[in-house]
N, C-alpha and C. Protein backbone atom coordinates (compact mmCIF):
# COMPACT_ATOMS: atom_id res chain seq x y z
N UNK A 1 29.77 29.89 4.80
CA UNK A 1 29.56 28.73 3.94
C UNK A 1 28.13 28.21 4.14
N UNK A 2 27.53 27.80 3.07
CA UNK A 2 26.18 27.27 3.13
C UNK A 2 26.18 25.93 3.85
N UNK A 3 25.49 25.80 5.00
CA UNK A 3 25.55 24.55 5.77
C UNK A 3 24.94 23.38 5.02
N UNK A 4 23.99 23.66 4.12
CA UNK A 4 23.36 22.55 3.40
C UNK A 4 24.29 21.96 2.34
N UNK A 5 25.36 22.70 1.97
CA UNK A 5 26.30 22.20 0.97
C UNK A 5 27.61 21.73 1.59
N UNK A 6 27.68 21.71 2.93
CA UNK A 6 28.92 21.37 3.61
C UNK A 6 29.30 19.92 3.42
N UNK A 7 28.33 19.05 3.27
CA UNK A 7 28.60 17.64 3.12
C UNK A 7 28.47 17.25 1.64
N UNK A 8 29.57 16.98 0.94
CA UNK A 8 29.47 16.66 -0.49
C UNK A 8 28.74 15.37 -0.79
N UNK A 9 28.63 14.49 0.21
CA UNK A 9 27.90 13.24 -0.01
C UNK A 9 26.39 13.46 0.00
N UNK A 10 25.97 14.61 0.51
CA UNK A 10 24.54 14.87 0.63
C UNK A 10 24.05 15.53 -0.65
N UNK A 11 24.02 14.78 -1.74
CA UNK A 11 23.70 15.36 -3.04
C UNK A 11 22.36 14.88 -3.59
N UNK A 12 21.51 14.28 -2.73
CA UNK A 12 20.22 13.84 -3.24
C UNK A 12 19.26 15.04 -3.32
N UNK A 13 18.18 14.91 -4.11
CA UNK A 13 17.29 16.06 -4.33
C UNK A 13 16.33 16.33 -3.19
N UNK A 14 16.40 15.58 -2.09
CA UNK A 14 15.49 15.78 -0.98
C UNK A 14 15.83 17.08 -0.25
N UNK A 15 14.85 17.94 -0.08
CA UNK A 15 15.02 19.14 0.73
C UNK A 15 14.53 18.80 2.13
N UNK A 16 15.41 18.92 3.11
CA UNK A 16 15.05 18.50 4.46
C UNK A 16 15.38 19.59 5.46
N UNK A 17 14.83 19.44 6.66
CA UNK A 17 15.09 20.39 7.72
C UNK A 17 16.42 20.10 8.40
N UNK A 18 16.61 20.72 9.53
CA UNK A 18 17.88 20.60 10.24
C UNK A 18 17.93 19.37 11.13
N UNK A 19 16.78 18.70 11.35
CA UNK A 19 16.75 17.55 12.24
C UNK A 19 16.50 16.26 11.45
N UNK A 20 17.25 15.26 11.79
CA UNK A 20 17.05 13.95 11.20
C UNK A 20 17.72 13.79 9.85
N UNK A 21 18.13 12.56 9.53
CA UNK A 21 18.81 12.30 8.26
C UNK A 21 17.82 12.22 7.11
N UNK A 22 18.32 12.41 5.92
CA UNK A 22 17.51 12.18 4.72
C UNK A 22 17.28 10.68 4.58
N UNK A 23 16.21 10.27 3.90
CA UNK A 23 15.96 8.82 3.75
C UNK A 23 17.07 8.15 2.96
N UNK A 24 17.31 6.88 3.27
CA UNK A 24 18.36 6.14 2.57
C UNK A 24 18.05 6.03 1.09
N UNK A 25 16.79 5.78 0.78
CA UNK A 25 16.34 5.70 -0.61
C UNK A 25 15.31 6.79 -0.86
N UNK A 26 15.71 7.94 -1.42
CA UNK A 26 14.75 9.02 -1.68
C UNK A 26 13.62 8.53 -2.59
N UNK A 27 12.40 9.03 -2.40
CA UNK A 27 11.27 8.57 -3.22
C UNK A 27 11.48 8.88 -4.69
N UNK A 28 11.03 7.97 -5.53
CA UNK A 28 10.99 8.21 -6.96
C UNK A 28 9.67 8.89 -7.32
N UNK A 29 9.46 9.10 -8.61
CA UNK A 29 8.24 9.74 -9.10
C UNK A 29 7.65 8.89 -10.21
N UNK A 30 6.34 8.65 -10.13
CA UNK A 30 5.59 7.99 -11.21
C UNK A 30 4.59 9.00 -11.74
N UNK A 31 4.65 9.28 -13.02
CA UNK A 31 3.81 10.31 -13.65
C UNK A 31 2.75 9.63 -14.51
N UNK A 32 1.48 9.78 -14.13
CA UNK A 32 0.37 9.19 -14.88
C UNK A 32 -0.31 10.27 -15.71
N UNK A 33 -0.81 9.87 -16.87
CA UNK A 33 -1.54 10.82 -17.71
C UNK A 33 -2.91 11.12 -17.10
N UNK A 34 -3.58 12.13 -17.62
CA UNK A 34 -4.85 12.57 -17.04
C UNK A 34 -6.00 11.61 -17.30
N UNK A 35 -5.98 10.95 -18.42
CA UNK A 35 -7.14 10.18 -18.83
C UNK A 35 -6.81 8.71 -19.00
N UNK A 36 -7.68 7.85 -18.46
CA UNK A 36 -7.53 6.42 -18.68
C UNK A 36 -8.53 6.01 -19.76
N UNK A 37 -8.07 5.86 -20.99
CA UNK A 37 -8.96 5.60 -22.11
C UNK A 37 -9.37 4.15 -22.15
N UNK A 38 -10.62 3.94 -22.60
CA UNK A 38 -11.09 2.58 -22.82
C UNK A 38 -11.48 1.82 -21.57
N UNK A 39 -11.53 2.49 -20.42
CA UNK A 39 -11.89 1.81 -19.18
C UNK A 39 -12.92 2.64 -18.42
N UNK A 40 -13.81 1.97 -17.66
CA UNK A 40 -14.66 2.72 -16.73
C UNK A 40 -13.79 3.47 -15.73
N UNK A 41 -14.21 4.64 -15.34
CA UNK A 41 -13.36 5.47 -14.48
C UNK A 41 -13.75 5.29 -13.01
N UNK A 42 -13.46 4.12 -12.48
CA UNK A 42 -13.67 3.87 -11.05
C UNK A 42 -12.59 4.58 -10.26
N UNK A 43 -12.99 5.36 -9.28
CA UNK A 43 -12.00 6.12 -8.53
C UNK A 43 -11.12 5.22 -7.68
N UNK A 44 -11.59 4.03 -7.34
CA UNK A 44 -10.82 3.17 -6.44
C UNK A 44 -9.97 2.17 -7.23
N UNK A 45 -9.84 2.37 -8.52
CA UNK A 45 -9.06 1.47 -9.35
C UNK A 45 -7.66 2.03 -9.56
N UNK A 46 -6.67 1.13 -9.68
CA UNK A 46 -5.31 1.56 -9.94
C UNK A 46 -5.22 2.32 -11.26
N UNK A 47 -4.47 3.43 -11.32
CA UNK A 47 -4.10 3.97 -12.63
C UNK A 47 -3.31 2.91 -13.39
N UNK A 48 -3.46 2.90 -14.71
CA UNK A 48 -2.80 1.86 -15.52
C UNK A 48 -1.30 1.79 -15.27
N UNK A 49 -0.67 2.97 -15.22
CA UNK A 49 0.78 2.97 -15.08
C UNK A 49 1.20 2.41 -13.73
N UNK A 50 0.44 2.67 -12.67
CA UNK A 50 0.76 2.14 -11.34
C UNK A 50 0.56 0.62 -11.33
N UNK A 51 -0.53 0.16 -11.91
CA UNK A 51 -0.77 -1.28 -11.98
C UNK A 51 0.37 -1.97 -12.74
N UNK A 52 0.75 -1.42 -13.88
CA UNK A 52 1.83 -2.00 -14.69
C UNK A 52 3.14 -1.99 -13.91
N UNK A 53 3.38 -0.89 -13.20
CA UNK A 53 4.63 -0.76 -12.44
C UNK A 53 4.72 -1.82 -11.34
N UNK A 54 3.64 -1.99 -10.57
CA UNK A 54 3.65 -2.97 -9.48
C UNK A 54 3.81 -4.39 -10.04
N UNK A 55 3.11 -4.68 -11.12
CA UNK A 55 3.19 -6.02 -11.70
C UNK A 55 4.59 -6.33 -12.21
N UNK A 56 5.30 -5.33 -12.68
CA UNK A 56 6.68 -5.54 -13.11
C UNK A 56 7.60 -5.84 -11.94
N UNK A 57 7.24 -5.33 -10.75
CA UNK A 57 8.07 -5.55 -9.57
C UNK A 57 7.86 -6.92 -8.94
N UNK A 58 6.74 -7.57 -9.30
CA UNK A 58 6.42 -8.88 -8.72
C UNK A 58 6.64 -9.95 -9.79
N UNK A 59 7.63 -10.81 -9.62
CA UNK A 59 7.92 -11.82 -10.65
C UNK A 59 6.75 -12.78 -10.87
N UNK A 60 6.69 -13.32 -12.08
CA UNK A 60 5.67 -14.32 -12.39
C UNK A 60 5.84 -15.53 -11.48
N UNK A 61 4.72 -16.11 -11.13
CA UNK A 61 4.76 -17.31 -10.31
C UNK A 61 4.65 -17.04 -8.82
N UNK A 62 4.62 -15.76 -8.43
CA UNK A 62 4.49 -15.41 -7.02
C UNK A 62 3.05 -14.96 -6.74
N UNK A 63 2.52 -15.36 -5.60
CA UNK A 63 1.13 -15.09 -5.28
C UNK A 63 0.96 -13.68 -4.72
N UNK A 64 -0.18 -13.06 -5.08
CA UNK A 64 -0.48 -11.69 -4.64
C UNK A 64 -1.91 -11.63 -4.12
N UNK A 65 -2.09 -10.97 -2.97
CA UNK A 65 -3.42 -10.75 -2.39
C UNK A 65 -3.74 -9.26 -2.42
N UNK A 66 -4.96 -8.94 -2.87
CA UNK A 66 -5.47 -7.57 -2.84
C UNK A 66 -6.60 -7.51 -1.82
N UNK A 67 -6.35 -7.07 -0.58
CA UNK A 67 -7.42 -7.03 0.43
C UNK A 67 -8.55 -6.05 0.10
N UNK A 68 -8.28 -5.03 -0.72
CA UNK A 68 -9.31 -4.10 -1.18
C UNK A 68 -9.48 -4.25 -2.69
N UNK A 69 -9.34 -5.46 -3.20
CA UNK A 69 -9.10 -5.66 -4.62
C UNK A 69 -10.25 -6.09 -5.48
N UNK A 70 -11.46 -5.65 -5.21
CA UNK A 70 -12.58 -6.06 -6.03
C UNK A 70 -12.43 -5.74 -7.50
N UNK A 71 -11.67 -4.68 -7.83
CA UNK A 71 -11.48 -4.28 -9.22
C UNK A 71 -10.09 -4.63 -9.75
N UNK A 72 -9.27 -5.31 -8.97
CA UNK A 72 -7.92 -5.65 -9.42
C UNK A 72 -7.99 -6.64 -10.58
N UNK A 73 -6.94 -6.64 -11.41
CA UNK A 73 -6.91 -7.47 -12.61
C UNK A 73 -5.93 -8.63 -12.51
N UNK A 74 -5.29 -8.76 -11.37
CA UNK A 74 -4.37 -9.90 -11.18
C UNK A 74 -4.36 -10.26 -9.70
N UNK A 75 -3.90 -11.46 -9.41
CA UNK A 75 -3.84 -11.90 -8.03
C UNK A 75 -5.19 -12.33 -7.48
N UNK A 76 -5.23 -12.55 -6.17
CA UNK A 76 -6.47 -12.92 -5.48
C UNK A 76 -7.17 -11.65 -5.04
N UNK A 77 -8.40 -11.47 -5.53
CA UNK A 77 -9.17 -10.26 -5.24
C UNK A 77 -10.07 -10.50 -4.02
N UNK A 78 -9.73 -9.86 -2.92
CA UNK A 78 -10.55 -9.95 -1.71
C UNK A 78 -11.24 -8.61 -1.49
N UNK A 79 -12.51 -8.63 -1.10
CA UNK A 79 -13.23 -7.38 -0.88
C UNK A 79 -14.42 -7.64 0.02
N UNK A 80 -14.80 -6.63 0.80
CA UNK A 80 -15.97 -6.74 1.68
C UNK A 80 -17.26 -6.43 0.93
N UNK A 81 -17.13 -5.80 -0.25
CA UNK A 81 -18.29 -5.39 -1.04
C UNK A 81 -18.64 -6.49 -2.04
N UNK A 82 -19.78 -7.17 -1.89
CA UNK A 82 -20.12 -8.26 -2.81
C UNK A 82 -20.46 -7.78 -4.22
N UNK A 83 -20.76 -6.50 -4.38
CA UNK A 83 -21.14 -5.97 -5.69
C UNK A 83 -20.02 -6.14 -6.71
N UNK A 84 -18.76 -6.05 -6.25
CA UNK A 84 -17.63 -6.15 -7.18
C UNK A 84 -17.23 -7.60 -7.48
N UNK A 85 -17.96 -8.55 -6.92
CA UNK A 85 -17.76 -9.98 -7.17
C UNK A 85 -16.30 -10.41 -6.96
N UNK A 86 -15.81 -10.26 -5.73
CA UNK A 86 -14.41 -10.63 -5.47
C UNK A 86 -14.22 -12.14 -5.47
N UNK A 87 -12.97 -12.56 -5.56
CA UNK A 87 -12.66 -13.99 -5.43
C UNK A 87 -12.93 -14.47 -4.01
N UNK A 88 -12.65 -13.59 -3.04
CA UNK A 88 -12.87 -13.91 -1.62
C UNK A 88 -13.66 -12.76 -1.01
N UNK A 89 -14.85 -13.06 -0.50
CA UNK A 89 -15.67 -12.04 0.16
C UNK A 89 -15.28 -11.98 1.63
N UNK A 90 -14.43 -11.02 1.98
CA UNK A 90 -13.92 -10.95 3.35
C UNK A 90 -13.45 -9.52 3.63
N UNK A 91 -13.11 -9.30 4.89
CA UNK A 91 -12.74 -7.99 5.40
C UNK A 91 -11.22 -7.84 5.43
N UNK A 92 -10.72 -6.71 4.94
CA UNK A 92 -9.27 -6.48 4.91
C UNK A 92 -8.64 -6.49 6.30
N UNK A 93 -9.42 -6.11 7.32
CA UNK A 93 -8.91 -6.10 8.69
C UNK A 93 -8.96 -7.48 9.34
N UNK A 94 -9.67 -8.42 8.70
CA UNK A 94 -9.79 -9.77 9.23
C UNK A 94 -9.61 -10.79 8.10
N UNK A 95 -8.45 -10.88 7.50
CA UNK A 95 -8.27 -11.82 6.39
C UNK A 95 -8.41 -13.26 6.84
N UNK A 96 -9.16 -14.07 6.10
CA UNK A 96 -9.43 -15.45 6.52
C UNK A 96 -8.37 -16.43 6.04
N UNK A 97 -7.10 -16.08 6.24
CA UNK A 97 -6.01 -16.92 5.75
C UNK A 97 -5.03 -17.22 6.88
N UNK A 98 -4.34 -18.35 6.80
CA UNK A 98 -3.26 -18.62 7.75
C UNK A 98 -2.10 -17.65 7.53
N UNK A 99 -1.20 -17.57 8.49
CA UNK A 99 -0.03 -16.71 8.37
C UNK A 99 0.81 -17.11 7.16
N UNK A 100 1.38 -16.08 6.50
CA UNK A 100 2.31 -16.29 5.37
C UNK A 100 1.66 -17.04 4.21
N UNK A 101 0.41 -16.71 3.90
CA UNK A 101 -0.31 -17.40 2.83
C UNK A 101 0.04 -16.89 1.44
N UNK A 102 0.58 -15.65 1.34
CA UNK A 102 0.85 -15.05 0.04
C UNK A 102 2.26 -14.46 0.02
N UNK A 103 2.84 -14.40 -1.17
CA UNK A 103 4.16 -13.78 -1.30
C UNK A 103 4.06 -12.27 -1.12
N UNK A 104 3.04 -11.65 -1.72
CA UNK A 104 2.91 -10.19 -1.70
C UNK A 104 1.47 -9.80 -1.36
N UNK A 105 1.32 -8.68 -0.66
CA UNK A 105 0.01 -8.13 -0.35
C UNK A 105 0.00 -6.67 -0.79
N UNK A 106 -1.02 -6.28 -1.56
CA UNK A 106 -1.14 -4.92 -2.09
C UNK A 106 -2.33 -4.23 -1.45
N UNK A 107 -2.07 -3.15 -0.71
CA UNK A 107 -3.12 -2.40 -0.01
C UNK A 107 -3.39 -1.09 -0.74
N UNK A 108 -4.63 -0.87 -1.11
CA UNK A 108 -5.05 0.43 -1.67
C UNK A 108 -6.42 0.79 -1.11
N UNK A 109 -6.49 1.18 0.17
CA UNK A 109 -7.78 1.45 0.81
C UNK A 109 -8.55 2.54 0.07
N UNK A 110 -9.85 2.33 -0.21
CA UNK A 110 -10.66 3.32 -0.94
C UNK A 110 -11.25 4.38 -0.03
N UNK A 111 -10.48 4.87 0.93
CA UNK A 111 -10.96 5.85 1.89
C UNK A 111 -10.10 7.10 1.80
N UNK A 112 -10.74 8.27 1.79
CA UNK A 112 -9.98 9.52 1.76
C UNK A 112 -9.38 9.82 3.12
N UNK A 113 -9.98 9.30 4.17
CA UNK A 113 -9.47 9.52 5.53
C UNK A 113 -9.25 8.17 6.19
N UNK A 114 -8.05 7.95 6.69
CA UNK A 114 -7.73 6.76 7.49
C UNK A 114 -6.95 7.22 8.71
N UNK A 115 -7.40 6.83 9.89
CA UNK A 115 -6.70 7.21 11.11
C UNK A 115 -5.55 6.24 11.39
N UNK A 116 -4.65 6.70 12.24
CA UNK A 116 -3.46 5.90 12.54
C UNK A 116 -3.80 4.51 13.07
N UNK A 117 -4.75 4.36 14.02
CA UNK A 117 -5.05 2.99 14.50
C UNK A 117 -5.55 2.06 13.40
N UNK A 118 -6.40 2.58 12.49
CA UNK A 118 -6.90 1.75 11.40
C UNK A 118 -5.79 1.37 10.43
N UNK A 119 -4.89 2.32 10.15
CA UNK A 119 -3.79 2.03 9.24
C UNK A 119 -2.88 0.96 9.83
N UNK A 120 -2.51 1.13 11.10
CA UNK A 120 -1.63 0.14 11.73
C UNK A 120 -2.32 -1.23 11.79
N UNK A 121 -3.63 -1.22 11.99
CA UNK A 121 -4.36 -2.48 12.07
C UNK A 121 -4.37 -3.20 10.72
N UNK A 122 -4.60 -2.46 9.63
CA UNK A 122 -4.65 -3.11 8.32
C UNK A 122 -3.25 -3.52 7.86
N UNK A 123 -2.22 -2.78 8.27
CA UNK A 123 -0.84 -3.20 7.99
C UNK A 123 -0.50 -4.48 8.76
N UNK A 124 -0.99 -4.58 9.99
CA UNK A 124 -0.79 -5.80 10.79
C UNK A 124 -1.45 -6.99 10.11
N UNK A 125 -2.66 -6.78 9.58
CA UNK A 125 -3.35 -7.86 8.87
C UNK A 125 -2.61 -8.26 7.60
N UNK A 126 -2.09 -7.25 6.88
CA UNK A 126 -1.32 -7.54 5.66
C UNK A 126 -0.03 -8.28 5.98
N UNK A 127 0.65 -7.85 7.05
CA UNK A 127 1.88 -8.53 7.47
C UNK A 127 1.60 -9.98 7.85
N UNK A 128 0.47 -10.23 8.44
CA UNK A 128 0.08 -11.59 8.80
C UNK A 128 0.03 -12.50 7.56
N UNK A 129 -0.43 -11.94 6.45
CA UNK A 129 -0.62 -12.75 5.24
C UNK A 129 0.63 -12.86 4.36
N UNK A 130 1.55 -11.86 4.44
CA UNK A 130 2.62 -11.73 3.46
C UNK A 130 3.89 -12.47 3.86
N UNK A 131 4.53 -13.07 2.86
CA UNK A 131 5.84 -13.71 3.07
C UNK A 131 6.98 -12.79 2.65
N UNK A 132 6.78 -11.94 1.63
CA UNK A 132 7.88 -11.18 1.06
C UNK A 132 7.71 -9.67 1.18
N UNK A 133 6.56 -9.13 0.73
CA UNK A 133 6.41 -7.67 0.74
C UNK A 133 4.96 -7.26 0.93
N UNK A 134 4.79 -6.03 1.42
CA UNK A 134 3.49 -5.38 1.53
C UNK A 134 3.59 -4.05 0.80
N UNK A 135 2.64 -3.80 -0.09
CA UNK A 135 2.60 -2.55 -0.85
C UNK A 135 1.49 -1.66 -0.33
N UNK A 136 1.74 -0.36 -0.27
CA UNK A 136 0.76 0.63 0.21
C UNK A 136 0.57 1.70 -0.86
N UNK A 137 -0.69 1.93 -1.30
CA UNK A 137 -1.01 2.95 -2.29
C UNK A 137 -2.15 3.80 -1.75
N UNK A 138 -1.85 5.07 -1.46
CA UNK A 138 -2.84 5.94 -0.82
C UNK A 138 -2.35 7.37 -0.89
N UNK A 139 -3.16 8.30 -0.36
CA UNK A 139 -2.73 9.70 -0.26
C UNK A 139 -1.95 9.95 1.01
N UNK A 140 -1.95 9.01 1.95
CA UNK A 140 -1.27 9.18 3.24
C UNK A 140 0.05 8.42 3.25
N UNK A 141 1.10 9.13 3.63
CA UNK A 141 2.40 8.48 3.81
C UNK A 141 2.41 7.78 5.16
N UNK A 142 2.76 6.50 5.19
CA UNK A 142 2.74 5.77 6.45
C UNK A 142 4.12 5.21 6.74
N UNK A 143 4.53 5.24 8.00
CA UNK A 143 5.81 4.61 8.39
C UNK A 143 5.60 3.11 8.57
N UNK A 144 6.67 2.33 8.57
CA UNK A 144 6.51 0.88 8.77
C UNK A 144 6.14 0.55 10.20
N UNK A 145 5.43 -0.54 10.36
CA UNK A 145 5.17 -1.09 11.69
C UNK A 145 6.26 -2.13 11.97
N UNK A 146 6.42 -2.56 13.22
CA UNK A 146 7.39 -3.62 13.49
C UNK A 146 7.13 -4.85 12.63
N UNK A 147 8.17 -5.35 12.01
CA UNK A 147 8.03 -6.48 11.10
C UNK A 147 8.06 -6.09 9.64
N UNK A 148 7.98 -4.78 9.37
CA UNK A 148 8.07 -4.27 8.00
C UNK A 148 9.18 -3.23 7.93
N UNK A 149 9.80 -3.13 6.76
CA UNK A 149 10.88 -2.17 6.53
C UNK A 149 10.69 -1.56 5.15
N UNK A 150 10.84 -0.23 5.04
CA UNK A 150 10.67 0.43 3.75
C UNK A 150 11.81 0.01 2.81
N UNK A 151 11.44 -0.56 1.68
CA UNK A 151 12.43 -0.92 0.66
C UNK A 151 12.53 0.15 -0.41
N UNK A 152 11.38 0.64 -0.89
CA UNK A 152 11.35 1.70 -1.89
C UNK A 152 10.05 2.48 -1.74
N UNK A 153 10.03 3.69 -2.29
CA UNK A 153 8.82 4.50 -2.25
C UNK A 153 8.79 5.41 -3.47
N UNK A 154 7.56 5.83 -3.81
CA UNK A 154 7.35 6.68 -4.97
C UNK A 154 6.21 7.66 -4.69
N UNK A 155 6.33 8.86 -5.22
CA UNK A 155 5.22 9.81 -5.24
C UNK A 155 4.56 9.69 -6.61
N UNK A 156 3.23 9.60 -6.61
CA UNK A 156 2.51 9.29 -7.84
C UNK A 156 1.60 10.45 -8.21
N UNK A 157 1.84 11.02 -9.38
CA UNK A 157 0.95 12.04 -9.94
C UNK A 157 -0.08 11.29 -10.77
N UNK A 158 -1.36 11.27 -10.31
CA UNK A 158 -2.39 10.50 -10.99
C UNK A 158 -3.18 11.32 -11.98
N UNK A 159 -3.03 12.64 -11.96
CA UNK A 159 -3.74 13.49 -12.90
C UNK A 159 -3.80 14.91 -12.39
N UNK A 160 -4.31 15.80 -13.24
CA UNK A 160 -4.45 17.20 -12.85
C UNK A 160 -5.55 17.36 -11.81
N UNK A 161 -5.38 18.30 -10.90
CA UNK A 161 -6.36 18.61 -9.85
C UNK A 161 -6.67 17.38 -8.99
N UNK A 162 -5.69 16.54 -8.79
CA UNK A 162 -5.87 15.33 -7.98
C UNK A 162 -4.78 15.28 -6.92
N UNK A 163 -5.13 14.71 -5.79
CA UNK A 163 -4.16 14.58 -4.71
C UNK A 163 -3.03 13.65 -5.13
N UNK A 164 -1.82 13.98 -4.71
CA UNK A 164 -0.67 13.11 -4.96
C UNK A 164 -0.84 11.83 -4.16
N UNK A 165 -0.55 10.70 -4.77
CA UNK A 165 -0.61 9.42 -4.08
C UNK A 165 0.80 9.01 -3.64
N UNK A 166 0.84 8.09 -2.73
CA UNK A 166 2.09 7.52 -2.23
C UNK A 166 2.07 6.03 -2.53
N UNK A 167 3.15 5.52 -3.08
CA UNK A 167 3.32 4.08 -3.28
C UNK A 167 4.56 3.66 -2.50
N UNK A 168 4.38 2.77 -1.53
CA UNK A 168 5.48 2.32 -0.69
C UNK A 168 5.56 0.80 -0.76
N UNK A 169 6.77 0.30 -0.95
CA UNK A 169 7.02 -1.14 -0.89
C UNK A 169 7.72 -1.44 0.42
N UNK A 170 7.04 -2.19 1.29
CA UNK A 170 7.62 -2.63 2.55
C UNK A 170 8.16 -4.05 2.40
N UNK A 171 9.36 -4.27 2.85
CA UNK A 171 9.93 -5.62 2.91
C UNK A 171 9.53 -6.27 4.22
N UNK A 172 9.10 -7.52 4.17
CA UNK A 172 8.75 -8.25 5.38
C UNK A 172 10.02 -8.72 6.06
N UNK A 173 10.17 -8.36 7.33
CA UNK A 173 11.35 -8.76 8.10
C UNK A 173 11.00 -9.65 9.30
N UNK A 174 9.72 -9.73 9.65
CA UNK A 174 9.33 -10.50 10.84
C UNK A 174 9.20 -11.98 10.51
N UNK A 175 9.81 -12.86 11.29
CA UNK A 175 9.58 -14.29 11.11
C UNK A 175 8.12 -14.63 11.36
N UNK A 176 7.64 -15.69 10.75
CA UNK A 176 6.23 -16.05 10.85
C UNK A 176 5.78 -16.21 12.30
N UNK A 177 6.63 -16.76 13.15
CA UNK A 177 6.24 -17.02 14.53
C UNK A 177 6.14 -15.79 15.41
N UNK A 178 6.59 -14.63 14.90
CA UNK A 178 6.57 -13.41 15.71
C UNK A 178 5.54 -12.40 15.22
N UNK A 179 4.61 -12.82 14.40
CA UNK A 179 3.62 -11.89 13.86
C UNK A 179 2.37 -11.88 14.73
N UNK A 180 1.70 -10.71 14.73
CA UNK A 180 0.49 -10.57 15.53
C UNK A 180 -0.72 -11.03 14.72
N UNK A 181 -1.68 -11.59 15.43
CA UNK A 181 -2.95 -11.92 14.79
C UNK A 181 -3.63 -10.62 14.35
N UNK A 182 -4.37 -10.65 13.23
CA UNK A 182 -5.12 -9.46 12.81
C UNK A 182 -6.10 -9.01 13.86
N UNK A 183 -6.43 -7.71 13.81
CA UNK A 183 -7.32 -7.12 14.80
C UNK A 183 -8.75 -7.63 14.62
N UNK A 184 -9.58 -7.32 15.62
CA UNK A 184 -10.95 -7.81 15.61
C UNK A 184 -11.92 -6.91 14.90
N UNK A 185 -13.19 -7.24 15.02
CA UNK A 185 -14.26 -6.61 14.27
C UNK A 185 -14.41 -5.13 14.56
N UNK A 186 -14.11 -4.69 15.78
CA UNK A 186 -14.35 -3.30 16.15
C UNK A 186 -13.61 -2.31 15.27
N UNK A 187 -12.35 -2.61 14.93
CA UNK A 187 -11.58 -1.71 14.08
C UNK A 187 -12.22 -1.58 12.72
N UNK A 188 -12.64 -2.68 12.13
CA UNK A 188 -13.27 -2.66 10.82
C UNK A 188 -14.53 -1.80 10.84
N UNK A 189 -15.37 -1.96 11.86
CA UNK A 189 -16.63 -1.24 11.92
C UNK A 189 -16.44 0.26 11.99
N UNK A 190 -15.32 0.72 12.57
CA UNK A 190 -15.10 2.17 12.65
C UNK A 190 -14.62 2.74 11.31
N UNK A 191 -14.11 1.88 10.42
CA UNK A 191 -13.48 2.39 9.21
C UNK A 191 -14.19 1.97 7.93
N UNK A 192 -14.82 0.83 7.91
CA UNK A 192 -15.35 0.29 6.66
C UNK A 192 -16.82 0.64 6.49
N UNK A 193 -17.10 1.51 5.51
CA UNK A 193 -18.47 1.97 5.36
C UNK A 193 -19.39 0.90 4.79
N UNK A 194 -18.84 -0.19 4.24
CA UNK A 194 -19.68 -1.26 3.71
C UNK A 194 -20.12 -2.22 4.82
N UNK A 195 -19.54 -2.12 5.99
CA UNK A 195 -19.82 -3.11 7.03
C UNK A 195 -21.26 -3.02 7.53
N UNK A 196 -21.91 -1.87 7.27
CA UNK A 196 -23.28 -1.70 7.74
C UNK A 196 -24.29 -2.17 6.70
N UNK A 197 -23.84 -2.61 5.52
CA UNK A 197 -24.78 -3.01 4.47
C UNK A 197 -25.03 -4.50 4.49
């Protein structure tokens, strides 16, 4: 008998190895067209379908922070690069806000390479700011840090000959009093190429 078919409850489309359970909520798929018409083609900008999808998930009247959001079209746009004229000129690793200042935080780092310490540090900073959820959009799949829990996830096809992106919605589970302060300047300097300008 085929061992992979032995459990009739195991009918999700995830192909997995022999160790560990399948995820409780298998990732969905978001399919974007190849061309974004009528807009400048900034590589660090959300595809239209992803932007529309996230905005549908966040009800009206709830606050949203974009720590890498110089080109974002909604919420509070924070960015270290003054050229994009953000609402708040600040560093994603050192947000200048009190704990729990926003309902949602959307992270889309414009870096092709992010190491584990930098990722955990920026998630810690996002958790510091968020009351409800933290969103992650990148080519790297990241697990939750303490205080965050995966609520949903999606694999995003952004176009032909392009790396698949990951969109993860983390639910905030940590009470405000148990959150860590964001990391210091050293982490930012190792990762943020604008910090030297």
